Amino acid sequence: MHATFPTTMMDFFRKSEGVWFTQRSVHHFDSAGDESGESNLFVSVVAKDDPRTKAVCEQQGIDPARAMGGASFMWQANEDTETPNPDNAAVLIDLPDDETGRSGKLLRDRGYVEKIPVVSRYWFGQDGILTIDTEYDKNQGQERCWFITDDFRVRVSTVRMMNGVYLMTYCSERRCISESMLAQMLKNNLARAEG
């Protein structure tokens, strides 16, 4: 079963909403330790009129009226049963270039590579792949993400320092299905089998 590809950032955020199980493989090109592992990613949509939208825009000196809304991301180790640590979180706000929404800027209250507010550029390719480029003070990051199915997606990223590529990451992410979603899927399959 193939996915329908989002073509705007807000569609991407809505399609990503929920909890994802992430398997991550990290390749360092220096002597740093292995950061590969498994984690949970919590994604929720942030509305245009949410106070976080205004706060992130004002932090970057941007008029909040230009924002379409955004998303909040939190992550934790897979086996961690505690509430996610707010230090492992970020809010991204969408500022599309035009009415098509296929490209634009993402305002982030906290970067992944350097923990500072940052502005990224994004665009959606005709193949459904989202590309995000981020310029930090000392690094450049690029992330590409695409849905294989509605409940499985892939992310790859690189971090480049002045002297070349520092690390590459590959993530496969599977949506965690709730009990109610599982019951509905079973009901749909039984109805298909009987029909």
C-alpha atoms as a PDB file:
ATOM      1  CA  MET A   1       0.000   0.000   0.000  1.00  0.00           C
ATOM      2  CA  HIS A   2       1.588   3.258  -1.143  1.00  0.00           C
ATOM      3  CA  ALA A   3       1.368   6.574   0.662  1.00  0.00           C
ATOM      4  CA  THR A   4      -0.142   9.769  -0.611  1.00  0.00           C
ATOM      5  CA  PHE A   5       2.638  12.339  -0.637  1.00  0.00           C
ATOM      6  CA  PRO A   6       2.218  15.584   1.281  1.00  0.00           C
ATOM      7  CA  THR A   7       3.080  18.636  -0.832  1.00  0.00           C
ATOM      8  CA  THR A   8       2.935  21.333   1.863  1.00  0.00           C
ATOM      9  CA  MET A   9       4.655  21.492   5.236  1.00  0.00           C
ATOM     10  CA  MET A  10       1.358  21.633   7.140  1.00  0.00           C
ATOM     11  CA  ASP A  11       0.148  18.526   5.242  1.00  0.00           C
ATOM     12  CA  PHE A  12       3.455  16.877   6.163  1.00  0.00           C
ATOM     13  CA  PHE A  13       2.991  17.788   9.839  1.00  0.00           C
ATOM     14  CA  ARG A  14      -0.603  16.501   9.858  1.00  0.00           C
ATOM     15  CA  LYS A  15       0.454  13.237   8.187  1.00  0.00           C
ATOM     16  CA  SER A  16       3.281  12.895  10.755  1.00  0.00           C
ATOM     17  CA  GLU A  17       1.123  13.498  13.826  1.00  0.00           C
ATOM     18  CA  GLY A  18       1.314  10.675  16.360  1.00  0.00           C
ATOM     19  CA  VAL A  19       4.021   8.500  17.911  1.00  0.00           C
ATOM     20  CA  TRP A  20       6.767   6.945  15.775  1.00  0.00           C
ATOM     21  CA  PHE A  21       9.216   4.157  16.595  1.00  0.00           C
ATOM     22  CA  THR A  22      12.586   5.184  15.134  1.00  0.00           C
ATOM     23  CA  GLN A  23      15.529   2.904  14.350  1.00  0.00           C
ATOM     24  CA  ARG A  24      18.584   5.095  13.817  1.00  0.00           C
ATOM     25  CA  SER A  25      21.964   4.308  12.316  1.00  0.00           C
ATOM     26  CA  VAL A  26      24.581   7.042  12.758  1.00  0.00           C
ATOM     27  CA  HIS A  27      27.889   7.114  10.880  1.00  0.00           C
ATOM     28  CA  HIS A  28      30.507   9.460  12.360  1.00  0.00           C
ATOM     29  CA  PHE A  29      33.508  10.462  10.302  1.00  0.00           C
ATOM     30  CA  ASP A  30      35.622  11.263  13.326  1.00  0.00           C
ATOM     31  CA  SER A  31      36.338   9.477  16.598  1.00  0.00           C
ATOM     32  CA  ALA A  32      32.964  10.189  18.260  1.00  0.00           C
ATOM     33  CA  GLY A  33      31.034   7.307  19.797  1.00  0.00           C
ATOM     34  CA  ASP A  34      28.152   5.437  18.203  1.00  0.00           C
ATOM     35  CA  GLU A  35      24.789   7.208  18.558  1.00  0.00           C
ATOM     36  CA  SER A  36      22.812   4.528  16.717  1.00  0.00           C
ATOM     37  CA  GLY A  37      19.784   3.214  18.535  1.00  0.00           C
ATOM     38  CA  GLU A  38      16.036   3.145  18.921  1.00  0.00           C
ATOM     39  CA  SER A  39      13.814   5.957  20.083  1.00  0.00           C
ATOM     40  CA  ASN A  40      10.246   7.212  20.134  1.00  0.00           C
ATOM     41  CA  LEU A  41       9.287  10.403  18.321  1.00  0.00           C
ATOM     42  CA  PHE A  42       6.152  12.286  19.418  1.00  0.00           C
ATOM     43  CA  VAL A  43       4.721  14.677  16.819  1.00  0.00           C
ATOM     44  CA  SER A  44       1.776  17.026  17.324  1.00  0.00           C
ATOM     45  CA  VAL A  45       0.441  19.781  15.086  1.00  0.00           C
ATOM     46  CA  VAL A  46       0.734  23.361  16.353  1.00  0.00           C
ATOM     47  CA  ALA A  47      -2.130  25.616  15.210  1.00  0.00           C
ATOM     48  CA  LYS A  48      -1.621  29.003  13.601  1.00  0.00           C
ATOM     49  CA  ASP A  49      -3.159  30.702  16.672  1.00  0.00           C
ATOM     50  CA  ASP A  50      -1.222  28.588  19.211  1.00  0.00           C
ATOM     51  CA  PRO A  51       0.872  30.797  21.561  1.00  0.00           C
ATOM     52  CA  ARG A  52       3.983  28.781  20.574  1.00  0.00           C
ATOM     53  CA  THR A  53       3.570  29.968  16.959  1.00  0.00           C
ATOM     54  CA  LYS A  54       3.700  33.592  18.066  1.00  0.00           C
ATOM     55  CA  ALA A  55       6.586  32.961  20.487  1.00  0.00           C
ATOM     56  CA  VAL A  56       8.824  31.245  17.892  1.00  0.00           C
ATOM     57  CA  CYS A  57       8.069  33.918  15.264  1.00  0.00           C
ATOM     58  CA  GLU A  58       8.845  36.739  17.675  1.00  0.00           C
ATOM     59  CA  GLN A  59      12.061  34.976  18.759  1.00  0.00           C
ATOM     60  CA  GLN A  60      13.189  35.199  15.099  1.00  0.00           C
ATOM     61  CA  GLY A  61      11.810  38.720  14.474  1.00  0.00           C
ATOM     62  CA  ILE A  62       9.102  37.433  12.083  1.00  0.00           C
ATOM     63  CA  ASP A  63       5.506  38.683  11.901  1.00  0.00           C
ATOM     64  CA  PRO A  64       3.366  35.803  13.295  1.00  0.00           C
ATOM     65  CA  ALA A  65       0.645  36.617  10.727  1.00  0.00           C
ATOM     66  CA  ARG A  66       2.900  35.064   8.038  1.00  0.00           C
ATOM     67  CA  ALA A  67       2.954  31.671   9.802  1.00  0.00           C
ATOM     68  CA  MET A  68       0.688  28.791   8.782  1.00  0.00           C
ATOM     69  CA  GLY A  69       1.161  26.899  12.062  1.00  0.00           C
ATOM     70  CA  GLY A  70       3.698  24.180  12.744  1.00  0.00           C
ATOM     71  CA  ALA A  71       4.527  21.110  14.788  1.00  0.00           C
ATOM     72  CA  SER A  72       6.034  20.121  18.084  1.00  0.00           C
ATOM     73  CA  PHE A  73       8.555  17.252  18.210  1.00  0.00           C
ATOM     74  CA  MET A  74       9.662  15.365  21.331  1.00  0.00           C
ATOM     75  CA  TRP A  75      11.899  12.310  21.426  1.00  0.00           C
ATOM     76  CA  GLN A  76      13.072   9.803  24.012  1.00  0.00           C
ATOM     77  CA  ALA A  77      14.903   6.495  24.220  1.00  0.00           C
ATOM     78  CA  ASN A  78      12.622   3.630  23.177  1.00  0.00           C
ATOM     79  CA  GLU A  79      12.712   1.835  26.511  1.00  0.00           C
ATOM     80  CA  ASP A  80      12.242   5.020  28.569  1.00  0.00           C
ATOM     81  CA  THR A  81       8.843   4.917  30.294  1.00  0.00           C
ATOM     82  CA  GLU A  82       9.050   8.406  31.810  1.00  0.00           C
ATOM     83  CA  THR A  83       7.409  11.494  30.316  1.00  0.00           C
ATOM     84  CA  PRO A  84       9.654  12.842  27.518  1.00  0.00           C
ATOM     85  CA  ASN A  85      12.278  15.335  28.688  1.00  0.00           C
ATOM     86  CA  PRO A  86      11.386  18.867  27.483  1.00  0.00           C
ATOM     87  CA  ASP A  87      15.103  19.364  26.689  1.00  0.00           C
ATOM     88  CA  ASN A  88      14.599  16.777  23.918  1.00  0.00           C
ATOM     89  CA  ALA A  89      11.984  18.813  22.090  1.00  0.00           C
ATOM     90  CA  ALA A  90      11.602  21.427  19.375  1.00  0.00           C
ATOM     91  CA  VAL A  91       8.835  23.527  17.849  1.00  0.00           C
ATOM     92  CA  LEU A  92       8.922  24.174  14.083  1.00  0.00           C
ATOM     93  CA  ILE A  93       6.835  26.923  12.472  1.00  0.00           C
ATOM     94  CA  ASP A  94       5.967  26.966   8.746  1.00  0.00           C
ATOM     95  CA  LEU A  95       6.436  30.100   6.598  1.00  0.00           C
ATOM     96  CA  PRO A  96       5.618  29.065   3.008  1.00  0.00           C
ATOM     97  CA  ASP A  97       7.083  31.049   0.093  1.00  0.00           C
ATOM     98  CA  ASP A  98       3.732  31.302  -1.726  1.00  0.00           C
ATOM     99  CA  GLU A  99       0.206  29.891  -1.878  1.00  0.00           C
ATOM    100  CA  THR A 100       1.377  26.514  -3.273  1.00  0.00           C
ATOM    101  CA  GLY A 101       3.227  25.799  -0.008  1.00  0.00           C
ATOM    102  CA  ARG A 102       5.767  23.558  -1.792  1.00  0.00           C
ATOM    103  CA  SER A 103       8.724  25.544  -0.404  1.00  0.00           C
ATOM    104  CA  GLY A 104       9.432  27.980   2.367  1.00  0.00           C
ATOM    105  CA  LYS A 105      11.160  28.532   5.667  1.00  0.00           C
ATOM    106  CA  LEU A 106      10.939  26.622   8.921  1.00  0.00           C
ATOM    107  CA  LEU A 107      11.507  28.574  12.114  1.00  0.00           C
ATOM    108  CA  ARG A 108      12.817  26.317  14.843  1.00  0.00           C
ATOM    109  CA  ASP A 109      13.023  27.344  18.490  1.00  0.00           C
ATOM    110  CA  ARG A 110      15.961  24.968  18.995  1.00  0.00           C
ATOM    111  CA  GLY A 111      18.191  23.307  16.405  1.00  0.00           C
ATOM    112  CA  TYR A 112      19.105  19.617  16.412  1.00  0.00           C
ATOM    113  CA  VAL A 113      22.815  20.107  15.770  1.00  0.00           C
ATOM    114  CA  GLU A 114      23.362  23.326  17.710  1.00  0.00           C
ATOM    115  CA  LYS A 115      20.793  24.052  20.427  1.00  0.00           C
ATOM    116  CA  ILE A 116      20.041  27.576  19.182  1.00  0.00           C
ATOM    117  CA  PRO A 117      17.039  29.112  17.367  1.00  0.00           C
ATOM    118  CA  VAL A 118      17.477  28.542  13.649  1.00  0.00           C
ATOM    119  CA  VAL A 119      15.810  29.154  10.278  1.00  0.00           C
ATOM    120  CA  SER A 120      15.801  26.360   7.677  1.00  0.00           C
ATOM    121  CA  ARG A 121      14.812  26.263   4.003  1.00  0.00           C
ATOM    122  CA  TYR A 122      12.537  23.452   2.800  1.00  0.00           C
ATOM    123  CA  TRP A 123      11.030  22.222  -0.437  1.00  0.00           C
ATOM    124  CA  PHE A 124       9.020  19.256  -1.679  1.00  0.00           C
ATOM    125  CA  GLY A 125      10.210  17.450  -4.802  1.00  0.00           C
ATOM    126  CA  GLN A 126       7.871  16.042  -7.440  1.00  0.00           C
ATOM    127  CA  ASP A 127       8.742  12.600  -6.017  1.00  0.00           C
ATOM    128  CA  GLY A 128       7.268  13.515  -2.609  1.00  0.00           C
ATOM    129  CA  ILE A 129      10.642  13.890  -0.870  1.00  0.00           C
ATOM    130  CA  LEU A 130      10.918  16.736   1.638  1.00  0.00           C
ATOM    131  CA  THR A 131      14.368  18.368   1.793  1.00  0.00           C
ATOM    132  CA  ILE A 132      15.348  20.693   4.652  1.00  0.00           C
ATOM    133  CA  ASP A 133      18.613  22.689   4.588  1.00  0.00           C
ATOM    134  CA  THR A 134      19.821  24.355   7.788  1.00  0.00           C
ATOM    135  CA  GLU A 135      22.741  26.737   8.265  1.00  0.00           C
ATOM    136  CA  TYR A 136      24.028  26.817  11.828  1.00  0.00           C
ATOM    137  CA  ASP A 137      26.816  29.029  13.179  1.00  0.00           C
ATOM    138  CA  LYS A 138      29.487  26.371  12.583  1.00  0.00           C
ATOM    139  CA  ASN A 139      27.696  23.564  10.722  1.00  0.00           C
ATOM    140  CA  GLN A 140      25.366  22.875   7.810  1.00  0.00           C
ATOM    141  CA  GLY A 141      22.679  20.228   7.988  1.00  0.00           C
ATOM    142  CA  GLN A 142      20.508  18.613   5.364  1.00  0.00           C
ATOM    143  CA  GLU A 143      17.628  16.265   6.089  1.00  0.00           C
ATOM    144  CA  ARG A 144      15.488  14.412   3.558  1.00  0.00           C
ATOM    145  CA  CYS A 145      12.296  12.605   4.536  1.00  0.00           C
ATOM    146  CA  TRP A 146       9.681  10.646   2.613  1.00  0.00           C
ATOM    147  CA  PHE A 147       6.756   8.338   3.292  1.00  0.00           C
ATOM    148  CA  ILE A 148       6.968   4.776   1.955  1.00  0.00           C
ATOM    149  CA  THR A 149       3.430   4.087   3.222  1.00  0.00           C
ATOM    150  CA  ASP A 150       1.149   6.189   5.394  1.00  0.00           C
ATOM    151  CA  ASP A 151       2.616   4.488   8.483  1.00  0.00           C
ATOM    152  CA  PHE A 152       6.271   4.049   7.480  1.00  0.00           C
ATOM    153  CA  ARG A 153       8.740   6.751   6.538  1.00  0.00           C
ATOM    154  CA  VAL A 154      12.479   7.210   6.022  1.00  0.00           C
ATOM    155  CA  ARG A 155      14.766  10.083   7.040  1.00  0.00           C
ATOM    156  CA  VAL A 156      18.386  10.601   6.035  1.00  0.00           C
ATOM    157  CA  SER A 157      20.552  13.493   7.137  1.00  0.00           C
ATOM    158  CA  THR A 158      24.074  14.819   6.955  1.00  0.00           C
ATOM    159  CA  VAL A 159      25.927  17.341   9.076  1.00  0.00           C
ATOM    160  CA  ARG A 160      28.779  19.158   7.340  1.00  0.00           C
ATOM    161  CA  MET A 161      31.471  21.082   9.150  1.00  0.00           C
ATOM    162  CA  MET A 162      33.936  23.446   7.518  1.00  0.00           C
ATOM    163  CA  ASN A 163      36.346  20.567   6.888  1.00  0.00           C
ATOM    164  CA  GLY A 164      33.742  18.225   5.329  1.00  0.00           C
ATOM    165  CA  VAL A 165      31.010  15.767   6.309  1.00  0.00           C
ATOM    166  CA  TYR A 166      30.904  15.074  10.031  1.00  0.00           C
ATOM    167  CA  LEU A 167      28.133  12.508  10.271  1.00  0.00           C
ATOM    168  CA  MET A 168      25.370  10.823   8.325  1.00  0.00           C
ATOM    169  CA  THR A 169      22.195   9.404   9.822  1.00  0.00           C
ATOM    170  CA  TYR A 170      19.643   6.961   8.436  1.00  0.00           C
ATOM    171  CA  CYS A 171      16.318   6.530  10.250  1.00  0.00           C
ATOM    172  CA  SER A 172      13.440   4.228   9.485  1.00  0.00           C
ATOM    173  CA  GLU A 173      10.278   5.218  11.324  1.00  0.00           C
ATOM    174  CA  ARG A 174       7.162   3.163  11.907  1.00  0.00           C
ATOM    175  CA  ARG A 175       3.968   4.713  13.276  1.00  0.00           C
ATOM    176  CA  CYS A 176       2.895   3.240  16.608  1.00  0.00           C
ATOM    177  CA  ILE A 177      -0.670   2.012  16.230  1.00  0.00           C
ATOM    178  CA  SER A 178      -3.094   2.668  19.102  1.00  0.00           C
ATOM    179  CA  GLU A 179      -5.599   0.063  20.313  1.00  0.00           C
ATOM    180  CA  SER A 180      -8.475   1.969  18.678  1.00  0.00           C
ATOM    181  CA  MET A 181      -6.617   2.243  15.341  1.00  0.00           C
ATOM    182  CA  LEU A 182      -5.840  -1.480  15.468  1.00  0.00           C
ATOM    183  CA  ALA A 183      -9.511  -2.323  16.164  1.00  0.00           C
ATOM    184  CA  GLN A 184     -10.625  -0.144  13.213  1.00  0.00           C
ATOM    185  CA  MET A 185      -8.069  -1.786  10.897  1.00  0.00           C
ATOM    186  CA  LEU A 186      -9.323  -5.234  11.935  1.00  0.00           C
ATOM    187  CA  LYS A 187     -12.927  -4.183  11.353  1.00  0.00           C
ATOM    188  CA  ASN A 188     -12.050  -2.816   7.872  1.00  0.00           C
ATOM    189  CA  ASN A 189     -10.195  -5.998   6.929  1.00  0.00           C
ATOM    190  CA  LEU A 190     -13.040  -8.231   8.096  1.00  0.00           C
ATOM    191  CA  ALA A 191     -15.540  -6.162   6.107  1.00  0.00           C
ATOM    192  CA  ARG A 192     -13.325  -6.442   3.008  1.00  0.00           C
ATOM    193  CA  ALA A 193     -13.013 -10.213   3.447  1.00  0.00           C
ATOM    194  CA  GLU A 194     -16.796 -10.611   3.773  1.00  0.00           C
ATOM    195  CA  GLY A 195     -17.575  -8.270   0.864  1.00  0.00           C
END
